[in-house]
Amino acid sequence: MAKMCSLNFKTHMRIHTGEKPFSCESCGKRFNQEGNLKMHKRLHTGEKPFGCDFCGKRFHQEGNLKMHKALHTGEKPFGCGVCHKRFSQLGDLKRHETVHSVDKPFNCSIWERPFGCDVCGKRFNTRRNLEMHTRVHTGEKPFGCDVCSKRFSQMGILRRHMKVHMAERPFGCDICNRRFNNKRNYETHMKVHTGDKPFVCEVCGNQFAQLGILKRHIHMRIHTGEKPFGCSDCSKRFAQLGDLNRHKAVHTGLKPFSCIVCDCCRRHRGVSCALTCYLFFLTFLCS
């Protein structure tokens, strides 16, 4: 334990000293941690060890894979603490939070937009927005669609474009007529009909039709105790995003689910007093 603490401290001190003992043999770039060097080397080797369970696309870093998966799952794990709007990427949340911030990082007399375009004169409040704008003039389109190879100047435009392909469903199931936008999702679906469950949990022996469910989803959190979704009001944590959203009703007081018999409202779907009301109604008729 003492050796581990010593190593962690030594690694941490490199942040302050600027020491970078690990160098890339291909380009000479230096790093303060060996793990960062390993990730960097993948740029030269082309190694992409992290694959998407939905479409098969592969990535150099696990963080890039997680951001990519949000396109398929629609998951938005990053929530604004002020207005509770949610985002799929941390960077989008940080940019959004400036809307609520009372701090003005720029004291500029020109509409508080200190960054101006040299071509057309249009001004922006951040350098990032200016850089995105200049692509209009340069024609640069760094973001490419993996499906049709069409390219875009902004990541946001690419994401909107991807919805076009998500809506296309050329692969159809002959059994239930359900359609899918890619072959991988179609093959995964067919296991519902065949009952094929090739992925086995090494802890309890349960079997699953999809590797994604085994590796990422709720089941493994039963064994690991992982609770990645935290409540910003009371710090309580949950294994599932849906459980967190239902819990938030405790703080907001919202009761969106109403009983069809007596119109009383409940916080959770499935918590209904309809049966009780119905039995009371029968008792009333019998009496």
Protein backbone atom coordinates (compact mmCIF):
# COMPACT_ATOMS: atom_id res chain seq x y z
CA MET A 1 0.00 0.00 0.00
CA ALA A 2 2.84 2.38 0.93
CA LYS A 3 4.53 1.67 -2.41
CA MET A 4 1.27 2.35 -4.28
CA CYS A 5 0.76 5.67 -2.46
CA SER A 6 4.35 6.63 -3.25
CA LEU A 7 3.86 5.90 -6.95
CA ASN A 8 0.59 7.84 -7.11
CA PHE A 9 2.21 10.84 -5.41
CA LYS A 10 5.19 10.72 -7.76
CA THR A 11 2.88 10.63 -10.78
CA HIS A 12 0.83 13.52 -9.40
CA MET A 13 3.92 15.69 -8.80
CA ARG A 14 4.72 15.58 -12.51
CA ILE A 15 1.73 17.87 -13.04
CA HIS A 16 3.56 20.57 -11.07
CA THR A 17 7.14 19.85 -12.19
CA GLY A 18 6.28 19.41 -15.86
CA GLU A 19 8.33 16.22 -16.01
CA LYS A 20 7.44 14.00 -18.96
CA PRO A 21 9.60 10.86 -18.80
CA PHE A 22 7.67 8.83 -21.39
CA SER A 23 8.38 9.63 -25.05
CA CYS A 24 6.89 8.34 -28.29
CA GLU A 25 9.46 6.55 -30.49
CA SER A 26 7.59 7.53 -33.65
CA CYS A 27 7.13 11.29 -33.27
CA GLY A 28 9.06 12.25 -30.12
CA LYS A 29 6.06 13.63 -28.24
CA ARG A 30 6.44 13.26 -24.47
CA PHE A 31 3.96 12.37 -21.71
CA ASN A 32 3.89 12.45 -17.91
CA GLN A 33 2.12 9.09 -17.63
CA GLU A 34 2.79 5.77 -19.34
CA GLY A 35 -0.95 5.22 -19.90
CA ASN A 36 -1.19 8.45 -21.92
CA LEU A 37 1.75 7.32 -24.06
CA LYS A 38 0.02 3.98 -24.76
CA MET A 39 -3.14 5.78 -25.92
CA HIS A 40 -1.07 8.12 -28.10
CA LYS A 41 0.77 5.23 -29.80
CA ARG A 42 -2.53 3.98 -31.17
CA LEU A 43 -2.56 7.01 -33.47
CA HIS A 44 0.56 5.61 -35.16
CA THR A 45 -0.34 1.91 -35.09
CA GLY A 46 -3.98 2.41 -36.04
CA GLU A 47 -5.04 0.18 -33.17
CA LYS A 48 -8.67 0.68 -32.15
CA PRO A 49 -9.41 -1.70 -29.27
CA PHE A 50 -12.78 -0.23 -28.30
CA GLY A 51 -15.70 -1.34 -30.49
CA CYS A 52 -19.34 -0.22 -30.57
CA ASP A 53 -21.79 -3.04 -29.81
CA PHE A 54 -24.42 -1.42 -32.02
CA CYS A 55 -22.68 -0.62 -35.31
CA GLY A 56 -19.20 -2.13 -34.95
CA LYS A 57 -17.30 1.15 -35.34
CA ARG A 58 -14.01 1.12 -33.43
CA PHE A 59 -12.13 3.81 -31.50
CA HIS A 60 -8.67 4.57 -30.11
CA GLN A 61 -9.99 5.61 -26.69
CA GLU A 62 -12.79 4.33 -24.48
CA GLY A 63 -14.02 7.89 -23.87
CA ASN A 64 -14.63 8.41 -27.59
CA LEU A 65 -16.58 5.14 -27.71
CA LYS A 66 -18.83 6.27 -24.84
CA MET A 67 -19.60 9.55 -26.61
CA HIS A 68 -20.33 7.68 -29.85
CA LYS A 69 -22.75 5.25 -28.16
CA ALA A 70 -24.94 8.17 -27.14
CA LEU A 71 -25.93 8.42 -30.84
CA HIS A 72 -27.51 4.95 -30.57
CA THR A 73 -28.88 4.96 -27.02
CA GLY A 74 -29.93 8.60 -26.74
CA GLU A 75 -28.46 8.55 -23.23
CA LYS A 76 -27.75 11.98 -21.78
CA PRO A 77 -25.82 11.44 -18.54
CA PHE A 78 -24.76 15.07 -18.06
CA GLY A 79 -27.44 17.25 -16.46
CA CYS A 80 -27.53 21.00 -15.88
CA GLY A 81 -27.89 21.78 -12.18
CA VAL A 82 -29.87 24.94 -12.91
CA CYS A 83 -32.53 24.03 -15.49
CA HIS A 84 -32.06 20.20 -15.50
CA LYS A 85 -31.55 20.12 -19.28
CA ARG A 86 -29.50 17.04 -20.17
CA PHE A 87 -26.66 16.45 -22.62
CA SER A 88 -24.88 13.45 -24.10
CA GLN A 89 -21.42 15.03 -23.80
CA LEU A 90 -19.71 16.92 -20.98
CA GLY A 91 -18.43 19.58 -23.37
CA ASP A 92 -21.99 20.41 -24.49
CA LEU A 93 -23.04 20.77 -20.84
CA LYS A 94 -20.17 23.14 -20.05
CA ARG A 95 -21.01 25.35 -23.02
CA HIS A 96 -24.67 25.35 -21.97
CA GLU A 97 -23.84 26.33 -18.38
CA THR A 98 -22.46 29.67 -19.57
CA VAL A 99 -26.07 30.65 -20.31
CA HIS A 100 -26.82 30.59 -16.59
CA SER A 101 -23.44 31.92 -15.41
CA VAL A 102 -23.46 35.42 -13.94
CA ASP A 103 -19.70 35.66 -14.54
CA LYS A 104 -18.81 37.45 -17.76
CA PRO A 105 -15.37 36.21 -18.83
CA PHE A 106 -15.05 38.93 -21.48
CA ASN A 107 -15.32 42.65 -20.81
CA CYS A 108 -15.76 43.91 -24.34
CA SER A 109 -17.58 46.99 -25.60
CA ILE A 110 -18.46 45.27 -28.88
CA TRP A 111 -21.51 43.33 -27.66
CA GLU A 112 -19.22 41.21 -25.47
CA ARG A 113 -18.06 39.35 -28.58
CA PRO A 114 -14.30 39.78 -28.67
CA PHE A 115 -13.58 37.26 -31.46
CA GLY A 116 -14.13 38.62 -34.96
CA CYS A 117 -14.01 36.92 -38.36
CA ASP A 118 -11.35 38.44 -40.65
CA VAL A 119 -13.37 37.55 -43.75
CA CYS A 120 -16.90 38.82 -43.06
CA GLY A 121 -16.55 40.72 -39.77
CA LYS A 122 -19.06 38.61 -37.85
CA ARG A 123 -18.24 38.46 -34.14
CA PHE A 124 -18.47 35.66 -31.56
CA ASN A 125 -18.31 35.33 -27.78
CA THR A 126 -15.91 32.35 -27.80
CA ARG A 127 -12.92 31.39 -29.92
CA ARG A 128 -14.48 27.97 -30.49
CA ASN A 129 -17.55 29.51 -32.14
CA LEU A 130 -15.29 31.65 -34.34
CA GLU A 131 -13.31 28.58 -35.43
CA MET A 132 -16.52 26.75 -36.36
CA HIS A 133 -17.72 29.80 -38.30
CA THR A 134 -14.51 30.14 -40.35
CA ARG A 135 -15.22 26.73 -41.86
CA VAL A 136 -18.01 28.43 -43.81
CA HIS A 137 -15.33 30.39 -45.67
CA THR A 138 -12.61 27.72 -45.87
CA GLY A 139 -14.95 24.88 -46.80
CA GLU A 140 -13.36 22.63 -44.19
CA LYS A 141 -15.57 19.68 -43.23
CA PRO A 142 -13.74 17.57 -40.63
CA PHE A 143 -16.73 15.48 -39.54
CA GLY A 144 -17.63 12.57 -41.82
CA CYS A 145 -20.66 10.26 -41.87
CA ASP A 146 -19.67 6.60 -41.54
CA VAL A 147 -22.72 5.47 -43.51
CA CYS A 148 -22.70 7.62 -46.67
CA SER A 149 -19.31 9.41 -46.36
CA LYS A 150 -20.96 12.82 -46.53
CA ARG A 151 -18.94 15.43 -44.62
CA PHE A 152 -19.93 18.35 -42.40
CA SER A 153 -18.34 21.43 -40.87
CA GLN A 154 -19.83 20.89 -37.39
CA MET A 155 -20.38 17.84 -35.19
CA GLY A 156 -23.92 19.00 -34.38
CA ILE A 157 -24.86 18.99 -38.08
CA LEU A 158 -23.41 15.49 -38.43
CA ARG A 159 -25.51 14.26 -35.51
CA ARG A 160 -28.68 15.67 -37.07
CA HIS A 161 -27.71 14.04 -40.37
CA MET A 162 -27.22 10.64 -38.68
CA LYS A 163 -30.91 10.65 -37.77
CA VAL A 164 -31.64 10.32 -41.50
CA HIS A 165 -29.89 6.96 -41.53
CA MET A 166 -31.39 5.95 -38.20
CA ALA A 167 -34.82 6.43 -39.80
CA GLU A 168 -33.90 4.19 -42.75
CA ARG A 169 -34.72 0.56 -41.95
CA PRO A 170 -33.75 -1.65 -44.91
CA PHE A 171 -33.39 -4.87 -42.84
CA GLY A 172 -36.74 -6.53 -42.09
CA CYS A 173 -37.57 -9.48 -39.84
CA ASP A 174 -39.57 -12.16 -41.68
CA ILE A 175 -41.17 -13.35 -38.44
CA CYS A 176 -42.54 -10.17 -36.83
CA ASN A 177 -42.00 -7.65 -39.67
CA ARG A 178 -39.96 -5.36 -37.43
CA ARG A 179 -37.39 -3.34 -39.40
CA PHE A 180 -33.86 -2.16 -38.55
CA ASN A 181 -31.44 0.47 -39.80
CA ASN A 182 -28.39 -1.80 -39.91
CA LYS A 183 -27.58 -5.48 -40.30
CA ARG A 184 -26.01 -5.81 -36.84
CA ASN A 185 -29.19 -4.68 -35.07
CA TYR A 186 -31.21 -7.03 -37.29
CA GLU A 187 -29.02 -10.02 -36.38
CA THR A 188 -29.22 -9.11 -32.70
CA HIS A 189 -33.02 -8.95 -32.93
CA MET A 190 -33.26 -12.40 -34.55
CA LYS A 191 -31.94 -13.92 -31.32
CA VAL A 192 -35.27 -12.95 -29.74
CA HIS A 193 -36.97 -15.51 -31.98
CA THR A 194 -34.25 -18.17 -31.93
CA GLY A 195 -33.66 -17.93 -28.19
CA ASP A 196 -29.92 -17.82 -28.78
CA LYS A 197 -28.07 -16.42 -25.74
CA PRO A 198 -24.34 -16.87 -26.43
CA PHE A 199 -23.05 -14.44 -23.80
CA VAL A 200 -22.66 -15.91 -20.31
CA CYS A 201 -21.99 -14.08 -17.04
CA GLU A 202 -18.92 -15.56 -15.35
CA VAL A 203 -20.24 -14.61 -11.91
CA CYS A 204 -23.72 -16.12 -11.83
CA GLY A 205 -24.03 -18.05 -15.10
CA ASN A 206 -26.94 -16.02 -16.50
CA GLN A 207 -27.04 -15.92 -20.30
CA PHE A 208 -27.77 -12.98 -22.58
CA ALA A 209 -28.61 -12.49 -26.23
CA GLN A 210 -26.45 -9.35 -26.53
CA LEU A 211 -22.90 -8.68 -25.46
CA GLY A 212 -23.86 -5.09 -24.73
CA ILE A 213 -26.36 -6.17 -22.09
CA LEU A 214 -23.78 -8.39 -20.44
CA LYS A 215 -20.92 -5.88 -20.49
CA ARG A 216 -22.58 -2.51 -20.01
CA HIS A 217 -26.12 -2.87 -18.85
CA ILE A 218 -27.88 -3.38 -15.55
CA HIS A 219 -26.92 -6.99 -14.97
CA MET A 220 -23.22 -6.47 -14.28
CA ARG A 221 -24.05 -3.68 -11.83
CA ILE A 222 -25.71 -6.31 -9.66
CA HIS A 223 -22.28 -7.83 -9.04
CA THR A 224 -20.13 -4.70 -9.10
CA GLY A 225 -22.47 -2.45 -7.13
CA GLU A 226 -21.77 0.33 -9.64
CA LYS A 227 -24.20 3.26 -9.45
CA PRO A 228 -23.14 5.78 -12.09
CA PHE A 229 -26.26 7.98 -11.92
CA GLY A 230 -26.29 10.43 -9.00
CA CYS A 231 -29.03 12.76 -7.77
CA SER A 232 -27.88 16.39 -7.73
CA ASP A 233 -30.26 17.21 -4.86
CA CYS A 234 -29.49 14.55 -2.26
CA SER A 235 -26.41 12.73 -3.66
CA LYS A 236 -28.27 9.39 -3.69
CA ARG A 237 -26.99 7.14 -6.47
CA PHE A 238 -28.68 4.64 -8.80
CA ALA A 239 -27.66 1.83 -11.13
CA GLN A 240 -30.15 2.89 -13.82
CA LEU A 241 -30.94 6.27 -15.34
CA GLY A 242 -34.66 5.48 -15.17
CA ASP A 243 -34.46 4.92 -11.42
CA LEU A 244 -32.79 8.31 -11.02
CA ASN A 245 -35.48 10.06 -13.06
CA ARG A 246 -38.23 8.44 -10.98
CA HIS A 247 -36.42 9.37 -7.77
CA LYS A 248 -36.27 13.04 -8.79
CA ALA A 249 -40.05 13.22 -8.43
CA VAL A 250 -39.48 13.09 -4.66
CA HIS A 251 -37.73 16.46 -4.84
CA THR A 252 -39.89 18.10 -7.52
CA GLY A 253 -43.22 16.91 -6.10
CA LEU A 254 -44.44 15.93 -9.57
CA LYS A 255 -47.06 13.17 -9.74
CA PRO A 256 -47.62 12.60 -13.47
CA PHE A 257 -49.50 9.27 -13.32
CA SER A 258 -53.20 9.47 -12.50
CA CYS A 259 -55.68 6.75 -11.52
CA ILE A 260 -58.33 6.14 -14.19
CA VAL A 261 -61.00 5.63 -11.52
CA CYS A 262 -60.53 8.34 -8.89
CA ASP A 263 -58.14 10.78 -10.67
CA CYS A 264 -55.65 10.75 -7.79
CA CYS A 265 -52.03 11.14 -8.93
CA ARG A 266 -48.98 9.01 -8.27
CA ARG A 267 -45.26 9.60 -8.75
CA HIS A 268 -44.56 6.27 -10.46
CA ARG A 269 -46.17 4.36 -13.29
CA GLY A 270 -47.48 1.03 -12.08
CA VAL A 271 -48.27 2.32 -8.59
CA SER A 272 -52.01 2.47 -9.05
CA CYS A 273 -55.00 2.54 -6.77
CA ALA A 274 -57.34 1.47 -9.60
CA LEU A 275 -57.87 -2.03 -8.17
CA THR A 276 -58.69 -0.66 -4.72
CA CYS A 277 -61.12 1.82 -6.24
CA TYR A 278 -62.73 -0.91 -8.33
CA LEU A 279 -63.24 -3.20 -5.31
CA PHE A 280 -64.70 -0.30 -3.36
CA PHE A 281 -67.03 0.41 -6.29
CA LEU A 282 -68.24 -3.24 -6.32
CA THR A 283 -68.80 -3.15 -2.54
CA PHE A 284 -70.82 0.03 -2.95
CA LEU A 285 -73.03 -1.58 -5.63
CA CYS A 286 -73.57 -4.74 -3.55
CA SER A 287 -74.60 -2.74 -0.52
